[in-house]
Amino acid sequence: MSSRYERKPDSITMYGADWCGDCIRAKAFFDEHEIAFDYVDLVENPEETDEILERNGGIQKIPLIIFPDESFLIEPTNDELDEKMSEFIVAEHEG
């Protein structure tokens, strides 16, 4: 399957847990669109929870997805992920 995204960000990091439905859906979105990302499993790496708390005002919600420009989304829908990935395509064409 080819991706409709011509340019993929240099590095996306997703913090999540395998029991989290939103995390599973976000991972599937990236896989479906052949977008590489680093996955931090918070069950295996609970010390990484501080990153979520810091970026989300002390509230632990997952997935937290951090993009190369340091912007991030928390519990994004597929539409929000699609919009964010489209921003990278627009930025690449404008740059």
N, C-alpha and C. Protein backbone atom coordinates (compact mmCIF):
# COMPACT_ATOMS: atom_id res chain seq x y z
N MET A 1 0.85 -1.17 0.00
CA MET A 1 0.00 0.00 0.00
C MET A 1 0.89 1.24 0.00
N SER A 2 0.60 2.19 -0.84
CA SER A 2 1.38 3.42 -0.84
C SER A 2 0.66 4.48 -0.03
N SER A 3 1.46 5.34 0.56
CA SER A 3 0.89 6.38 1.40
C SER A 3 0.56 7.60 0.57
N ARG A 4 -0.48 8.31 0.96
CA ARG A 4 -0.80 9.56 0.28
C ARG A 4 0.08 10.69 0.78
N TYR A 5 0.83 10.43 1.83
CA TYR A 5 1.73 11.44 2.38
C TYR A 5 3.08 11.34 1.68
N GLU A 6 3.45 12.40 0.96
CA GLU A 6 4.70 12.39 0.20
C GLU A 6 5.91 12.55 1.10
N ARG A 7 5.78 13.34 2.14
CA ARG A 7 6.89 13.56 3.06
C ARG A 7 6.45 13.11 4.44
N LYS A 8 7.31 12.36 5.06
CA LYS A 8 7.02 11.93 6.41
C LYS A 8 7.94 12.70 7.36
N PRO A 9 7.42 13.07 8.51
CA PRO A 9 8.26 13.79 9.47
C PRO A 9 9.50 12.97 9.83
N ASP A 10 10.54 13.67 10.24
CA ASP A 10 11.79 13.00 10.59
C ASP A 10 11.64 12.11 11.82
N SER A 11 10.83 12.52 12.77
CA SER A 11 10.70 11.73 13.98
C SER A 11 9.38 12.04 14.69
N ILE A 12 8.60 11.00 14.87
CA ILE A 12 7.37 11.08 15.65
C ILE A 12 7.54 10.12 16.81
N THR A 13 7.18 10.57 18.00
CA THR A 13 7.23 9.69 19.16
C THR A 13 5.83 9.60 19.76
N MET A 14 5.39 8.37 19.97
CA MET A 14 4.08 8.15 20.57
C MET A 14 4.26 7.45 21.91
N TYR A 15 3.69 8.04 22.95
CA TYR A 15 3.67 7.44 24.28
C TYR A 15 2.31 6.81 24.48
N GLY A 16 2.30 5.54 24.87
CA GLY A 16 1.02 4.87 25.03
C GLY A 16 1.15 3.57 25.80
N ALA A 17 0.09 2.78 25.74
CA ALA A 17 0.05 1.47 26.38
C ALA A 17 -0.76 0.53 25.49
N ASP A 18 -0.39 -0.73 25.50
CA ASP A 18 -1.05 -1.69 24.62
C ASP A 18 -2.50 -1.96 25.00
N TRP A 19 -2.91 -1.61 26.22
CA TRP A 19 -4.31 -1.80 26.64
C TRP A 19 -5.20 -0.62 26.23
N CYS A 20 -4.60 0.43 25.70
CA CYS A 20 -5.31 1.67 25.39
C CYS A 20 -5.88 1.63 23.96
N GLY A 21 -7.20 1.72 23.86
CA GLY A 21 -7.86 1.66 22.56
C GLY A 21 -7.45 2.79 21.63
N ASP A 22 -7.31 4.02 22.16
CA ASP A 22 -6.89 5.15 21.33
C ASP A 22 -5.46 4.97 20.83
N CYS A 23 -4.62 4.34 21.66
CA CYS A 23 -3.23 4.08 21.25
C CYS A 23 -3.20 3.06 20.11
N ILE A 24 -3.99 2.02 20.23
CA ILE A 24 -4.06 1.00 19.19
C ILE A 24 -4.54 1.62 17.88
N ARG A 25 -5.54 2.48 17.96
CA ARG A 25 -6.07 3.13 16.76
C ARG A 25 -5.04 4.06 16.13
N ALA A 26 -4.33 4.84 16.95
CA ALA A 26 -3.31 5.75 16.42
C ALA A 26 -2.17 4.97 15.78
N LYS A 27 -1.76 3.88 16.41
CA LYS A 27 -0.71 3.03 15.81
C LYS A 27 -1.18 2.49 14.46
N ALA A 28 -2.42 2.07 14.38
CA ALA A 28 -2.98 1.55 13.13
C ALA A 28 -3.00 2.64 12.06
N PHE A 29 -3.32 3.88 12.45
CA PHE A 29 -3.32 4.99 11.50
C PHE A 29 -1.92 5.17 10.91
N PHE A 30 -0.91 5.21 11.76
CA PHE A 30 0.46 5.38 11.27
C PHE A 30 0.88 4.20 10.39
N ASP A 31 0.54 2.99 10.80
CA ASP A 31 0.89 1.81 10.01
C ASP A 31 0.19 1.83 8.65
N GLU A 32 -1.09 2.17 8.64
CA GLU A 32 -1.87 2.21 7.40
C GLU A 32 -1.28 3.21 6.41
N HIS A 33 -0.76 4.33 6.92
CA HIS A 33 -0.21 5.37 6.06
C HIS A 33 1.31 5.28 5.93
N GLU A 34 1.87 4.18 6.42
CA GLU A 34 3.31 3.91 6.31
C GLU A 34 4.14 5.06 6.87
N ILE A 35 3.74 5.55 8.03
CA ILE A 35 4.43 6.63 8.71
C ILE A 35 5.21 6.03 9.87
N ALA A 36 6.52 6.20 9.82
CA ALA A 36 7.38 5.66 10.87
C ALA A 36 7.22 6.48 12.15
N PHE A 37 7.27 5.79 13.28
CA PHE A 37 7.19 6.46 14.57
C PHE A 37 7.87 5.61 15.62
N ASP A 38 8.35 6.27 16.66
CA ASP A 38 8.91 5.57 17.81
C ASP A 38 7.79 5.40 18.82
N TYR A 39 7.72 4.22 19.41
CA TYR A 39 6.66 3.94 20.38
C TYR A 39 7.27 3.72 21.75
N VAL A 40 6.79 4.46 22.73
CA VAL A 40 7.23 4.31 24.11
C VAL A 40 6.09 3.68 24.89
N ASP A 41 6.29 2.43 25.30
CA ASP A 41 5.28 1.70 26.06
C ASP A 41 5.40 2.10 27.53
N LEU A 42 4.37 2.76 28.03
CA LEU A 42 4.41 3.26 29.40
C LEU A 42 4.27 2.16 30.45
N VAL A 43 3.80 0.99 30.05
CA VAL A 43 3.75 -0.14 30.98
C VAL A 43 5.17 -0.63 31.22
N GLU A 44 5.94 -0.73 30.14
CA GLU A 44 7.33 -1.20 30.25
C GLU A 44 8.27 -0.10 30.73
N ASN A 45 7.90 1.17 30.49
CA ASN A 45 8.75 2.31 30.83
C ASN A 45 7.95 3.35 31.62
N PRO A 46 7.51 3.01 32.84
CA PRO A 46 6.66 3.94 33.59
C PRO A 46 7.34 5.26 33.93
N GLU A 47 8.66 5.29 33.94
CA GLU A 47 9.39 6.53 34.21
C GLU A 47 9.15 7.59 33.13
N GLU A 48 8.69 7.17 31.96
CA GLU A 48 8.42 8.09 30.86
C GLU A 48 7.09 8.84 31.04
N THR A 49 6.32 8.48 32.06
CA THR A 49 5.05 9.14 32.33
C THR A 49 5.24 10.64 32.59
N ASP A 50 6.40 11.02 33.11
CA ASP A 50 6.67 12.44 33.38
C ASP A 50 6.53 13.30 32.13
N GLU A 51 6.90 12.75 30.98
CA GLU A 51 6.78 13.49 29.71
C GLU A 51 5.32 13.85 29.44
N ILE A 52 4.43 12.92 29.70
CA ILE A 52 3.00 13.15 29.48
C ILE A 52 2.48 14.20 30.45
N LEU A 53 2.82 14.04 31.71
CA LEU A 53 2.34 14.97 32.73
C LEU A 53 2.83 16.38 32.46
N GLU A 54 4.08 16.51 32.03
CA GLU A 54 4.65 17.82 31.74
C GLU A 54 3.93 18.50 30.59
N ARG A 55 3.67 17.77 29.53
CA ARG A 55 3.05 18.36 28.34
C ARG A 55 1.54 18.55 28.47
N ASN A 56 0.94 17.86 29.43
CA ASN A 56 -0.51 17.90 29.54
C ASN A 56 -0.99 18.49 30.87
N GLY A 57 -0.21 19.38 31.42
CA GLY A 57 -0.63 20.08 32.63
C GLY A 57 -0.93 19.18 33.81
N GLY A 58 -0.17 18.09 33.95
CA GLY A 58 -0.33 17.20 35.09
C GLY A 58 -1.38 16.12 34.93
N ILE A 59 -2.04 16.07 33.78
CA ILE A 59 -3.08 15.07 33.54
C ILE A 59 -2.50 13.96 32.66
N GLN A 60 -2.70 12.73 33.08
CA GLN A 60 -2.18 11.59 32.32
C GLN A 60 -3.24 11.08 31.36
N LYS A 61 -3.09 11.46 30.08
CA LYS A 61 -3.96 10.96 29.01
C LYS A 61 -3.04 10.44 27.91
N ILE A 62 -3.43 9.33 27.32
CA ILE A 62 -2.65 8.76 26.22
C ILE A 62 -3.58 8.38 25.09
N PRO A 63 -3.06 8.31 23.88
CA PRO A 63 -1.66 8.51 23.53
C PRO A 63 -1.27 9.99 23.50
N LEU A 64 -0.02 10.22 23.79
CA LEU A 64 0.62 11.51 23.57
C LEU A 64 1.52 11.30 22.36
N ILE A 65 1.33 12.11 21.33
CA ILE A 65 2.12 11.98 20.10
C ILE A 65 2.86 13.30 19.89
N ILE A 66 4.19 13.21 19.88
CA ILE A 66 5.03 14.38 19.71
C ILE A 66 5.62 14.36 18.30
N PHE A 67 5.53 15.50 17.62
CA PHE A 67 5.99 15.63 16.24
C PHE A 67 7.35 16.32 16.20
N PRO A 68 8.05 16.25 15.08
CA PRO A 68 9.40 16.81 14.97
C PRO A 68 9.49 18.30 15.30
N ASP A 69 8.40 19.03 15.10
CA ASP A 69 8.42 20.46 15.39
C ASP A 69 8.09 20.74 16.86
N GLU A 70 8.04 19.68 17.67
CA GLU A 70 7.74 19.74 19.11
C GLU A 70 6.27 20.00 19.41
N SER A 71 5.43 20.10 18.39
CA SER A 71 3.99 20.16 18.64
C SER A 71 3.55 18.76 19.06
N PHE A 72 2.38 18.67 19.68
CA PHE A 72 1.92 17.36 20.11
C PHE A 72 0.40 17.31 20.13
N LEU A 73 -0.09 16.09 20.08
CA LEU A 73 -1.52 15.82 20.19
C LEU A 73 -1.73 14.81 21.30
N ILE A 74 -2.82 14.99 22.04
CA ILE A 74 -3.18 14.04 23.10
C ILE A 74 -4.55 13.46 22.75
N GLU A 75 -4.61 12.14 22.76
CA GLU A 75 -5.83 11.42 22.41
C GLU A 75 -6.44 11.91 21.10
N PRO A 76 -5.62 12.01 20.04
CA PRO A 76 -6.17 12.54 18.78
C PRO A 76 -7.08 11.54 18.08
N THR A 77 -8.04 12.10 17.35
CA THR A 77 -8.87 11.27 16.47
C THR A 77 -8.08 11.01 15.19
N ASN A 78 -8.56 10.11 14.36
CA ASN A 78 -7.91 9.89 13.07
C ASN A 78 -7.97 11.14 12.21
N ASP A 79 -9.06 11.89 12.29
CA ASP A 79 -9.17 13.14 11.53
C ASP A 79 -8.11 14.14 11.99
N GLU A 80 -7.87 14.23 13.29
CA GLU A 80 -6.83 15.14 13.80
C GLU A 80 -5.44 14.70 13.35
N LEU A 81 -5.20 13.39 13.35
CA LEU A 81 -3.92 12.89 12.86
C LEU A 81 -3.75 13.19 11.38
N ASP A 82 -4.81 12.99 10.62
CA ASP A 82 -4.77 13.27 9.18
C ASP A 82 -4.46 14.74 8.93
N GLU A 83 -5.11 15.62 9.67
CA GLU A 83 -4.89 17.06 9.52
C GLU A 83 -3.44 17.42 9.87
N LYS A 84 -2.93 16.84 10.95
CA LYS A 84 -1.55 17.13 11.37
C LYS A 84 -0.56 16.65 10.32
N MET A 85 -0.75 15.47 9.79
CA MET A 85 0.17 14.95 8.79
C MET A 85 0.09 15.78 7.51
N SER A 86 -1.09 16.29 7.19
CA SER A 86 -1.24 17.15 6.02
C SER A 86 -0.47 18.45 6.19
N GLU A 87 -0.37 18.95 7.42
CA GLU A 87 0.42 20.15 7.68
C GLU A 87 1.88 19.97 7.27
N PHE A 88 2.41 18.76 7.48
CA PHE A 88 3.80 18.49 7.12
C PHE A 88 3.99 18.50 5.61
N ILE A 89 2.97 18.05 4.87
CA ILE A 89 3.04 18.06 3.42
C ILE A 89 3.02 19.52 2.93
N VAL A 90 2.12 20.33 3.48
CA VAL A 90 2.02 21.73 3.10
C VAL A 90 3.33 22.45 3.43
N ALA A 91 3.88 22.24 4.61
CA ALA A 91 5.12 22.89 5.01
C ALA A 91 6.26 22.50 4.08
N GLU A 92 6.30 21.27 3.66
CA GLU A 92 7.36 20.80 2.76
C GLU A 92 7.25 21.49 1.40
N HIS A 93 6.04 21.62 0.90
CA HIS A 93 5.84 22.24 -0.40
C HIS A 93 6.08 23.75 -0.35
N GLU A 94 5.81 24.37 0.79
CA GLU A 94 6.04 25.81 0.93
C GLU A 94 7.50 26.13 1.20
N GLY A 95 8.21 25.17 1.81
CA GLY A 95 9.60 25.39 2.21
C GLY A 95 10.51 25.26 1.06
